[in-house]
Amino acid sequence: MIKFSKTRLSEIESFSEDAIDTSEIPELDDDFWENAQRIVPENYLQIEQEILEWFKGQGQAYHAQINKVLRAHIETHR
């Protein structure tokens, strides 16, 4: 995952669509979409939006907090 500073992220978000040069990127045609496959990583976990937002509101290390809650649940139910 690429991490950007808040300043750089703000600069990127301020670009208008017209300012982005996509001339070297081929368009994705119907053939591409007909043959596209969704690949989900093995360790993928989908979390309901409301739950994710609650954990995010608890602080920066929300991934670690989610793991801590799940670990405690496993330990309780062994």
N, C-alpha and C. Protein backbone atom coordinates (compact mmCIF):
# COMPACT_ATOMS: atom_id res chain seq x y z
N MET A 1 0.85 -1.18 0.00
CA MET A 1 0.00 0.00 0.00
C MET A 1 0.90 1.24 0.00
N ILE A 2 0.54 2.20 -0.82
CA ILE A 2 1.29 3.45 -0.90
C ILE A 2 0.71 4.42 0.12
N LYS A 3 1.60 5.05 0.88
CA LYS A 3 1.15 6.04 1.84
C LYS A 3 1.57 7.42 1.36
N PHE A 4 0.66 8.38 1.46
CA PHE A 4 0.92 9.75 1.05
C PHE A 4 0.82 10.66 2.27
N SER A 5 1.59 11.74 2.26
CA SER A 5 1.45 12.75 3.31
C SER A 5 0.11 13.44 3.10
N LYS A 6 -0.40 14.06 4.14
CA LYS A 6 -1.67 14.77 4.02
C LYS A 6 -1.58 15.88 2.97
N THR A 7 -0.41 16.53 2.89
CA THR A 7 -0.22 17.59 1.91
C THR A 7 -0.30 17.03 0.50
N ARG A 8 0.42 15.93 0.24
CA ARG A 8 0.42 15.34 -1.10
C ARG A 8 -0.97 14.81 -1.46
N LEU A 9 -1.64 14.18 -0.50
CA LEU A 9 -2.98 13.67 -0.74
C LEU A 9 -3.93 14.81 -1.10
N SER A 10 -3.80 15.92 -0.41
CA SER A 10 -4.63 17.10 -0.70
C SER A 10 -4.35 17.61 -2.11
N GLU A 11 -3.06 17.62 -2.52
CA GLU A 11 -2.71 18.05 -3.88
C GLU A 11 -3.35 17.13 -4.91
N ILE A 12 -3.27 15.84 -4.69
CA ILE A 12 -3.82 14.86 -5.63
C ILE A 12 -5.33 15.02 -5.72
N GLU A 13 -5.99 15.17 -4.58
CA GLU A 13 -7.45 15.30 -4.57
C GLU A 13 -7.92 16.58 -5.25
N SER A 14 -7.05 17.59 -5.32
CA SER A 14 -7.46 18.86 -5.92
C SER A 14 -7.34 18.86 -7.45
N PHE A 15 -6.70 17.83 -8.04
CA PHE A 15 -6.60 17.76 -9.50
C PHE A 15 -7.98 17.67 -10.11
N SER A 16 -8.18 18.41 -11.19
CA SER A 16 -9.44 18.25 -11.92
C SER A 16 -9.27 17.06 -12.87
N GLU A 17 -10.38 16.48 -13.30
CA GLU A 17 -10.33 15.34 -14.22
C GLU A 17 -9.57 15.71 -15.49
N ASP A 18 -9.74 16.94 -15.96
CA ASP A 18 -9.09 17.38 -17.19
C ASP A 18 -7.57 17.51 -17.05
N ALA A 19 -7.08 17.66 -15.82
CA ALA A 19 -5.65 17.84 -15.60
C ALA A 19 -4.89 16.51 -15.58
N ILE A 20 -5.60 15.40 -15.57
CA ILE A 20 -4.97 14.09 -15.51
C ILE A 20 -4.78 13.56 -16.93
N ASP A 21 -3.52 13.30 -17.29
CA ASP A 21 -3.20 12.81 -18.63
C ASP A 21 -3.35 11.29 -18.67
N THR A 22 -4.36 10.84 -19.38
CA THR A 22 -4.60 9.40 -19.51
C THR A 22 -4.31 8.90 -20.93
N SER A 23 -3.59 9.70 -21.71
CA SER A 23 -3.38 9.37 -23.12
C SER A 23 -2.59 8.08 -23.32
N GLU A 24 -1.80 7.68 -22.36
CA GLU A 24 -1.01 6.45 -22.51
C GLU A 24 -1.68 5.24 -21.87
N ILE A 25 -2.87 5.43 -21.34
CA ILE A 25 -3.60 4.34 -20.70
C ILE A 25 -4.70 3.89 -21.65
N PRO A 26 -4.68 2.62 -22.07
CA PRO A 26 -5.72 2.17 -23.01
C PRO A 26 -7.09 2.13 -22.34
N GLU A 27 -8.12 2.40 -23.13
CA GLU A 27 -9.49 2.28 -22.64
C GLU A 27 -9.80 0.81 -22.38
N LEU A 28 -10.64 0.55 -21.40
CA LEU A 28 -11.08 -0.81 -21.13
C LEU A 28 -12.35 -1.05 -21.94
N ASP A 29 -12.24 -1.93 -22.93
CA ASP A 29 -13.36 -2.17 -23.82
C ASP A 29 -14.27 -3.29 -23.30
N ASP A 30 -15.34 -3.56 -24.04
CA ASP A 30 -16.30 -4.59 -23.63
C ASP A 30 -15.65 -5.95 -23.47
N ASP A 31 -14.68 -6.26 -24.32
CA ASP A 31 -13.98 -7.54 -24.23
C ASP A 31 -13.29 -7.70 -22.88
N PHE A 32 -12.68 -6.62 -22.40
CA PHE A 32 -12.02 -6.67 -21.09
C PHE A 32 -13.04 -7.01 -20.01
N TRP A 33 -14.17 -6.30 -19.98
CA TRP A 33 -15.16 -6.49 -18.93
C TRP A 33 -15.86 -7.85 -19.02
N GLU A 34 -16.00 -8.39 -20.23
CA GLU A 34 -16.60 -9.71 -20.39
C GLU A 34 -15.71 -10.81 -19.82
N ASN A 35 -14.41 -10.58 -19.81
CA ASN A 35 -13.46 -11.59 -19.34
C ASN A 35 -12.87 -11.28 -17.96
N ALA A 36 -13.27 -10.17 -17.37
CA ALA A 36 -12.72 -9.77 -16.07
C ALA A 36 -13.19 -10.73 -14.98
N GLN A 37 -12.31 -10.97 -14.03
CA GLN A 37 -12.64 -11.81 -12.88
C GLN A 37 -12.26 -11.07 -11.61
N ARG A 38 -13.14 -11.14 -10.63
CA ARG A 38 -12.84 -10.53 -9.34
C ARG A 38 -12.03 -11.52 -8.52
N ILE A 39 -10.91 -11.05 -8.01
CA ILE A 39 -10.05 -11.90 -7.19
C ILE A 39 -10.04 -11.32 -5.77
N VAL A 40 -10.47 -12.14 -4.82
CA VAL A 40 -10.53 -11.72 -3.43
C VAL A 40 -9.37 -12.39 -2.69
N PRO A 41 -8.53 -11.60 -2.00
CA PRO A 41 -7.42 -12.20 -1.24
C PRO A 41 -7.93 -13.22 -0.23
N GLU A 42 -7.12 -14.21 0.05
CA GLU A 42 -7.50 -15.28 0.97
C GLU A 42 -7.85 -14.76 2.37
N ASN A 43 -7.16 -13.71 2.82
CA ASN A 43 -7.39 -13.20 4.17
C ASN A 43 -8.34 -12.00 4.18
N TYR A 44 -9.19 -11.89 3.17
CA TYR A 44 -10.14 -10.79 3.04
C TYR A 44 -11.30 -10.97 4.02
N LEU A 45 -11.66 -9.90 4.69
CA LEU A 45 -12.79 -9.93 5.61
C LEU A 45 -13.64 -8.70 5.35
N GLN A 46 -14.90 -8.90 5.03
CA GLN A 46 -15.79 -7.78 4.79
C GLN A 46 -16.48 -7.42 6.09
N ILE A 47 -16.35 -6.16 6.47
CA ILE A 47 -16.92 -5.67 7.73
C ILE A 47 -18.02 -4.67 7.38
N GLU A 48 -19.14 -4.79 8.04
CA GLU A 48 -20.25 -3.87 7.79
C GLU A 48 -19.78 -2.43 8.04
N GLN A 49 -20.28 -1.52 7.19
CA GLN A 49 -19.83 -0.13 7.23
C GLN A 49 -20.02 0.52 8.60
N GLU A 50 -21.16 0.28 9.24
CA GLU A 50 -21.42 0.89 10.54
C GLU A 50 -20.40 0.44 11.58
N ILE A 51 -20.04 -0.83 11.55
CA ILE A 51 -19.06 -1.37 12.50
C ILE A 51 -17.68 -0.78 12.21
N LEU A 52 -17.32 -0.74 10.93
CA LEU A 52 -16.02 -0.18 10.55
C LEU A 52 -15.90 1.28 10.98
N GLU A 53 -16.95 2.06 10.75
CA GLU A 53 -16.93 3.48 11.14
C GLU A 53 -16.77 3.62 12.66
N TRP A 54 -17.42 2.74 13.42
CA TRP A 54 -17.29 2.81 14.87
C TRP A 54 -15.84 2.57 15.29
N PHE A 55 -15.22 1.52 14.73
CA PHE A 55 -13.82 1.24 15.06
C PHE A 55 -12.91 2.37 14.62
N LYS A 56 -13.15 2.93 13.44
CA LYS A 56 -12.32 4.05 12.98
C LYS A 56 -12.44 5.24 13.93
N GLY A 57 -13.61 5.43 14.51
CA GLY A 57 -13.82 6.53 15.45
C GLY A 57 -13.10 6.33 16.77
N GLN A 58 -12.61 5.12 17.03
CA GLN A 58 -11.93 4.81 18.29
C GLN A 58 -10.45 5.20 18.26
N GLY A 59 -9.92 5.49 17.09
CA GLY A 59 -8.52 5.88 17.00
C GLY A 59 -7.86 5.32 15.75
N GLN A 60 -6.60 5.65 15.57
CA GLN A 60 -5.88 5.30 14.35
C GLN A 60 -5.67 3.81 14.16
N ALA A 61 -5.43 3.08 15.20
CA ALA A 61 -5.09 1.66 15.08
C ALA A 61 -6.33 0.78 15.08
N TYR A 62 -7.32 1.14 14.26
CA TYR A 62 -8.58 0.41 14.31
C TYR A 62 -8.44 -1.04 13.83
N HIS A 63 -7.50 -1.31 12.91
CA HIS A 63 -7.29 -2.70 12.49
C HIS A 63 -6.84 -3.55 13.68
N ALA A 64 -5.94 -3.01 14.47
CA ALA A 64 -5.45 -3.73 15.65
C ALA A 64 -6.58 -3.92 16.66
N GLN A 65 -7.44 -2.95 16.80
CA GLN A 65 -8.56 -3.06 17.74
C GLN A 65 -9.55 -4.14 17.29
N ILE A 66 -9.80 -4.20 15.99
CA ILE A 66 -10.69 -5.25 15.46
C ILE A 66 -10.10 -6.62 15.74
N ASN A 67 -8.78 -6.78 15.50
CA ASN A 67 -8.13 -8.06 15.78
C ASN A 67 -8.18 -8.40 17.26
N LYS A 68 -8.03 -7.40 18.11
CA LYS A 68 -8.07 -7.63 19.56
C LYS A 68 -9.45 -8.15 19.99
N VAL A 69 -10.51 -7.55 19.46
CA VAL A 69 -11.88 -7.99 19.78
C VAL A 69 -12.11 -9.41 19.28
N LEU A 70 -11.67 -9.70 18.06
CA LEU A 70 -11.85 -11.05 17.52
C LEU A 70 -11.05 -12.08 18.31
N ARG A 71 -9.81 -11.73 18.69
CA ARG A 71 -8.98 -12.64 19.51
C ARG A 71 -9.65 -12.93 20.85
N ALA A 72 -10.19 -11.90 21.49
CA ALA A 72 -10.87 -12.08 22.78
C ALA A 72 -12.10 -12.98 22.62
N HIS A 73 -12.81 -12.83 21.53
CA HIS A 73 -13.97 -13.68 21.26
C HIS A 73 -13.54 -15.13 21.09
N ILE A 74 -12.46 -15.36 20.37
CA ILE A 74 -11.96 -16.73 20.18
C ILE A 74 -11.56 -17.33 21.52
N GLU A 75 -10.84 -16.60 22.31
CA GLU A 75 -10.39 -17.09 23.63
C GLU A 75 -11.58 -17.41 24.55
N THR A 76 -12.62 -16.60 24.48
CA THR A 76 -13.81 -16.82 25.31
C THR A 76 -14.56 -18.09 24.89
N HIS A 77 -14.50 -18.42 23.63
CA HIS A 77 -15.28 -19.54 23.09
C HIS A 77 -14.47 -20.79 22.79
N ARG A 78 -13.31 -20.91 23.39
CA ARG A 78 -12.50 -22.14 23.21
C ARG A 78 -12.97 -23.21 24.13
